[in-house]
Protein backbone atom coordinates (compact mmCIF):
# COMPACT_ATOMS: atom_id res chain seq x y z
CA TRP A 1 -3.29 -3.33 9.42
CA HIS A 2 -4.75 -0.23 11.59
CA MET A 3 -8.62 -1.35 11.76
CA GLY A 4 -9.41 -2.19 15.44
CA HIS A 5 -6.14 -2.52 16.71
CA LEU A 6 -6.54 -5.23 19.60
CA ASP A 7 -10.24 -6.15 18.77
CA PRO A 8 -10.64 -9.55 17.01
CA LYS A 9 -13.33 -8.89 15.41
CA TRP A 10 -11.51 -5.86 13.06
CA HIS A 11 -8.69 -8.75 13.03
CA PRO A 12 -7.62 -9.60 9.49
CA LEU A 13 -8.34 -13.53 9.41
CA ASN A 14 -12.25 -12.28 10.53
CA GLN A 15 -12.49 -9.62 7.73
CA GLY A 16 -12.42 -11.84 4.86
CA PHE A 17 -8.24 -12.79 4.51
CA THR A 18 -7.03 -16.43 5.01
CA PHE A 19 -3.45 -15.34 5.54
CA TYR A 20 -1.65 -12.91 7.67
CA GLU A 21 1.23 -11.45 8.30
CA GLY A 22 2.08 -7.84 9.89
CA CYS A 23 1.86 -5.50 12.95
CA TYR A 24 -1.95 -4.23 14.27
CA ASN A 25 -1.12 -0.73 14.82
CA GLY A 26 2.25 0.94 13.34
CA ALA A 27 4.79 2.99 13.90
CA ALA A 28 7.03 0.61 15.37
CA ASP A 29 10.94 0.23 15.06
CA TYR A 30 11.34 -0.46 12.00
CA PHE A 31 14.50 -3.29 13.91
CA THR A 32 12.90 -4.70 16.67
CA ARG A 33 9.26 -3.84 16.20
CA ASP A 34 8.37 -2.37 19.06
CA ARG A 35 5.53 -0.07 20.10
CA ASN A 36 4.62 1.25 23.42
CA GLY A 37 7.13 -1.50 24.65
CA GLN A 38 6.44 -4.62 23.67
CA PRO A 39 6.54 -6.17 19.77
CA ASP A 40 3.61 -5.68 17.52
CA TRP A 41 3.73 -8.17 15.24
CA HIS A 42 1.86 -11.26 14.11
CA VAL A 43 1.40 -14.53 11.89
CA ASN A 44 -2.58 -14.92 11.53
CA PHE A 45 -3.13 -14.63 15.69
CA ASP A 46 0.06 -15.76 16.71
CA ASP A 47 2.06 -12.86 18.29
CA VAL A 48 5.58 -13.32 16.76
CA ASN A 49 9.06 -11.18 16.29
CA PRO A 50 11.28 -12.05 13.27
CA PRO A 51 14.86 -10.82 12.83
CA GLY A 52 15.11 -7.94 10.52
CA TYR A 53 14.29 -4.89 8.85
CA THR A 54 10.43 -4.77 8.64
CA THR A 55 10.33 -3.60 5.08
CA ASP A 56 11.92 -6.71 3.98
CA ILE A 57 10.08 -8.71 6.35
CA ILE A 58 7.35 -7.52 4.86
CA SER A 59 8.48 -8.20 1.21
CA ASP A 60 9.52 -11.94 2.18
CA ALA A 61 6.41 -12.86 3.47
CA ALA A 62 5.02 -11.64 0.17
CA VAL A 63 7.05 -13.30 -2.27
CA ALA A 64 6.42 -16.72 0.14
CA TYR A 65 2.77 -16.55 -0.58
CA ILE A 66 2.64 -15.76 -4.64
CA ARG A 67 5.25 -18.52 -4.20
CA ASP A 68 2.66 -20.62 -2.81
CA HIS A 69 -0.57 -19.88 -4.69
CA GLY A 70 1.55 -19.51 -7.93
CA LYS A 71 1.40 -22.55 -8.35
CA SER A 72 -2.70 -22.91 -8.15
CA ASP A 73 -4.95 -22.02 -11.17
CA ALA A 74 -6.89 -20.48 -8.83
CA PRO A 75 -7.07 -16.43 -8.63
CA PHE A 76 -5.66 -15.31 -5.36
CA PHE A 77 -5.17 -11.78 -3.68
CA CYS A 78 -2.36 -10.37 -1.87
CA TYR A 79 -2.34 -7.24 -0.01
CA VAL A 80 1.18 -5.79 0.48
CA ALA A 81 0.89 -2.72 3.30
CA PHE A 82 4.10 -1.56 3.51
CA THR A 83 5.21 0.26 6.82
CA ALA A 84 7.43 2.28 4.70
CA VAL A 85 7.57 4.98 4.03
CA HIS A 86 6.69 6.42 8.00
CA GLU A 87 8.43 7.32 11.22
CA PRO A 88 10.18 6.33 13.19
CA ALA A 89 12.89 7.36 10.18
CA GLN A 90 15.37 4.31 10.26
CA ALA A 91 16.97 2.20 7.56
CA PRO A 92 19.38 -0.27 7.16
CA GLN A 93 23.02 1.41 7.23
CA LYS A 94 23.69 0.47 3.32
CA TYR A 95 20.61 1.92 1.94
CA ILE A 96 21.67 5.33 3.85
CA ASP A 97 25.10 5.08 2.29
CA GLN A 98 23.47 5.55 -1.00
CA TYR A 99 22.51 9.01 -0.35
CA PRO A 100 25.93 11.38 0.57
CA ASP A 101 24.53 14.48 -0.52
CA LEU A 102 21.02 14.39 1.70
CA ARG A 103 20.75 15.44 5.32
CA GLY A 104 18.72 14.55 8.37
CA GLU A 105 15.57 12.87 8.12
CA LYS A 106 15.13 13.60 4.16
CA LYS A 107 18.49 11.22 3.28
CA ILE A 108 16.11 8.05 5.75
CA LEU A 109 12.84 8.70 3.78
CA ALA A 110 14.96 8.16 0.62
CA ALA A 111 16.57 4.89 2.07
CA GLN A 112 13.66 3.98 3.17
CA ASP A 113 11.85 3.98 0.30
CA THR A 114 14.95 2.65 -1.74
CA CYS A 115 14.24 -0.65 0.55
CA MET A 116 10.85 -0.74 -0.27
CA ASP A 117 11.61 -0.05 -4.17
CA ASP A 118 13.77 -3.58 -3.87
CA GLY A 119 11.23 -5.22 -1.91
CA ILE A 120 8.77 -4.64 -5.03
CA GLY A 121 11.48 -5.56 -7.12
CA LYS A 122 11.27 -9.28 -5.37
CA ILE A 123 7.54 -9.09 -5.43
CA LEU A 124 7.62 -8.40 -9.08
CA ALA A 125 10.25 -11.19 -9.98
CA ALA A 126 8.19 -13.71 -7.94
CA ILE A 127 5.31 -13.29 -9.62
CA ASP A 128 7.42 -13.65 -13.27
CA LYS A 129 8.55 -16.72 -12.14
CA ALA A 130 5.20 -17.85 -10.91
CA GLY A 131 4.92 -17.84 -14.61
CA ILE A 132 0.89 -15.64 -14.09
CA ALA A 133 2.66 -12.07 -15.22
CA ASN A 134 0.64 -11.72 -17.72
CA ASN A 135 -2.66 -12.72 -15.69
CA THR A 136 -1.84 -10.75 -12.86
CA LEU A 137 -2.98 -6.97 -11.94
CA ILE A 138 -0.90 -4.74 -9.88
CA TRP A 139 -1.78 -1.36 -8.35
CA PHE A 140 0.74 0.00 -6.16
CA PHE A 141 -0.49 3.34 -4.46
CA SER A 142 -0.16 5.00 -1.32
CA ASP A 143 -2.45 5.82 1.39
CA ASN A 144 -2.03 9.55 2.10
CA GLY A 145 1.01 12.14 0.91
CA GLY A 146 3.58 12.50 3.04
CA ILE A 147 4.39 14.75 6.16
CA ARG A 148 4.41 18.24 6.60
CA LYS A 149 7.73 19.17 8.09
CA ILE A 150 10.42 17.88 5.57
CA PRO A 151 10.25 20.85 3.48
CA GLY A 152 8.90 20.85 -0.08
CA ASN A 153 7.88 16.87 0.68
CA ASN A 154 4.63 17.14 -1.46
CA ALA A 155 5.40 20.44 -3.73
CA PRO A 156 3.86 21.86 -5.31
CA LEU A 157 0.75 20.05 -3.82
CA ARG A 158 -0.50 22.74 -0.61
CA GLY A 159 -0.35 20.85 2.74
CA GLY A 160 0.51 17.06 3.16
CA LYS A 161 -0.66 13.88 5.86
CA LEU A 162 -3.80 14.68 7.89
CA THR A 163 -4.91 17.11 5.95
CA CYS A 164 -7.94 17.06 3.05
CA TYR A 165 -5.75 19.78 0.31
CA GLU A 166 -4.33 17.96 -2.11
CA GLY A 167 -0.96 17.19 -0.50
CA GLY A 168 -2.69 14.88 1.70
CA ILE A 169 -5.24 13.36 -0.60
CA ARG A 170 -3.92 13.12 -3.86
CA THR A 171 -0.79 10.76 -4.18
CA PRO A 172 0.76 9.19 -7.90
CA ALA A 173 -0.64 5.56 -8.29
CA ALA A 174 0.34 3.00 -10.66
CA VAL A 175 -0.94 0.09 -12.88
CA TRP A 176 0.59 -2.71 -13.76
CA TRP A 177 -1.29 -5.49 -16.26
CA PRO A 178 0.56 -7.16 -19.00
CA GLY A 179 -1.44 -7.40 -22.44
CA VAL A 180 -4.02 -6.02 -20.63
CA ILE A 181 -3.40 -2.75 -19.74
CA GLU A 182 -0.91 -0.64 -22.09
CA GLY A 183 1.99 0.83 -20.07
CA GLY A 184 3.51 4.45 -20.38
CA ARG A 185 0.42 6.38 -20.18
CA LYS A 186 -1.17 8.76 -17.80
CA ILE A 187 -4.65 9.34 -16.59
CA GLU A 188 -5.60 12.51 -15.51
CA SER A 189 -9.48 11.25 -14.82
CA PRO A 190 -9.79 11.41 -10.46
CA ILE A 191 -9.73 7.92 -8.94
CA ILE A 192 -10.21 7.09 -4.92
CA ASN A 193 -9.38 4.38 -2.79
CA VAL A 194 -13.36 3.75 -2.42
CA ASP A 195 -12.96 2.41 -5.91
CA LEU A 196 -10.41 -0.69 -5.97
CA LEU A 197 -12.68 -3.30 -4.81
CA PRO A 198 -15.57 -2.64 -7.62
CA THR A 199 -12.30 -2.74 -10.52
CA LEU A 200 -10.65 -5.41 -9.16
CA LEU A 201 -14.10 -7.78 -8.41
CA SER A 202 -14.41 -6.28 -12.32
CA ALA A 203 -11.05 -7.22 -13.04
CA ALA A 204 -11.88 -11.26 -11.43
CA GLY A 205 -14.69 -11.48 -13.13
CA ALA A 206 -16.47 -11.72 -9.94
CA LYS A 207 -20.77 -11.08 -9.89
CA ILE A 208 -21.48 -10.65 -6.59
CA ASP A 209 -25.11 -8.59 -6.15
CA TRP A 210 -24.04 -6.30 -2.34
CA PRO A 211 -27.31 -5.63 -0.22
CA LYS A 212 -26.67 -2.08 -0.88
CA PRO A 213 -24.06 -0.20 -3.22
CA LEU A 214 -20.78 0.15 -3.18
CA ASP A 215 -19.38 3.46 -2.58
CA GLY A 216 -16.72 3.11 -5.29
CA ILE A 217 -17.14 2.98 -9.46
CA ASP A 218 -15.58 0.47 -11.52
CA VAL A 219 -12.83 2.43 -13.26
CA LEU A 220 -11.26 -1.06 -15.39
CA ASP A 221 -12.53 0.70 -18.74
CA GLU A 222 -11.07 3.64 -17.56
CA LEU A 223 -7.67 2.03 -17.03
CA LYS A 224 -7.95 -0.09 -20.28
CA ASN A 225 -8.97 2.86 -22.41
CA PRO A 226 -8.03 6.43 -20.86
CA SER A 227 -9.39 8.10 -24.16
CA GLN A 228 -10.60 11.42 -22.26
CA GLU A 229 -10.33 13.00 -18.75
CA LYS A 230 -13.56 12.11 -17.19
CA GLN A 231 -14.90 14.69 -13.97
CA ARG A 232 -16.59 13.47 -10.77
CA ASP A 233 -16.54 14.52 -7.31
CA VAL A 234 -14.49 12.79 -5.09
CA TYR A 235 -14.56 13.41 -1.53
CA GLY A 236 -11.78 13.09 1.45
CA PHE A 237 -11.96 13.40 5.47
CA THR A 238 -9.91 12.94 8.08
CA GLY A 239 -10.50 13.43 12.25
CA GLN A 240 -7.81 11.89 13.63
CA GLN A 241 -6.99 15.54 14.93
CA GLY A 242 -10.72 16.08 16.13
CA ILE A 243 -13.36 16.28 14.13
CA GLU A 244 -13.67 20.48 15.20
CA LYS A 245 -10.10 21.00 13.78
CA GLU A 246 -10.96 19.51 10.04
């Protein structure tokens, strides 16, 4: 979740969500959920620690949520924040064995990625099984570039995670909405994370009178009809290493 950690006012259920399963902090052991000497995993406000690999637990929780909510005609929002691909470097052996030609952390990174890919496949299958594929918008994206200690991890972009160079803030994204957004195209216009809220509200047909302007813009028309590249200024900032170092 990564917002406020243990402060109740920042808990997902106090920020508009109706159900939550996941960790508060992150970078926990993928098999035990241990972080700083204790498990970090929760369902709503309850501390739990289910068995299994974290990526599988997340995808299974999303599938169950879609199965339960896909039965209704009411719209729903499902935010699936995989902890992969992230340290610690851990993955099930069956995925590690798929990359005999890779070595070290790069091998584990590939295994983590493949497991997450399988989890996304389960989520897509659940949406299809619920019969809501043509009425569902899926937006897949990363929160930042990869770590810099793996050579070429963000090539050909400069820098990586915790920098504001392109290697740290420029990441690929994919949007899927059958019958509304045509597939197989590449959009060159810059889009930033704060565009998500106004765009998803527009897609859902929501009309909300906000007390002040939103930071982002509605890019739904651009996703539907990327006729030409549009220019705009976007800004990134990271202060995790101290403002004086940025």
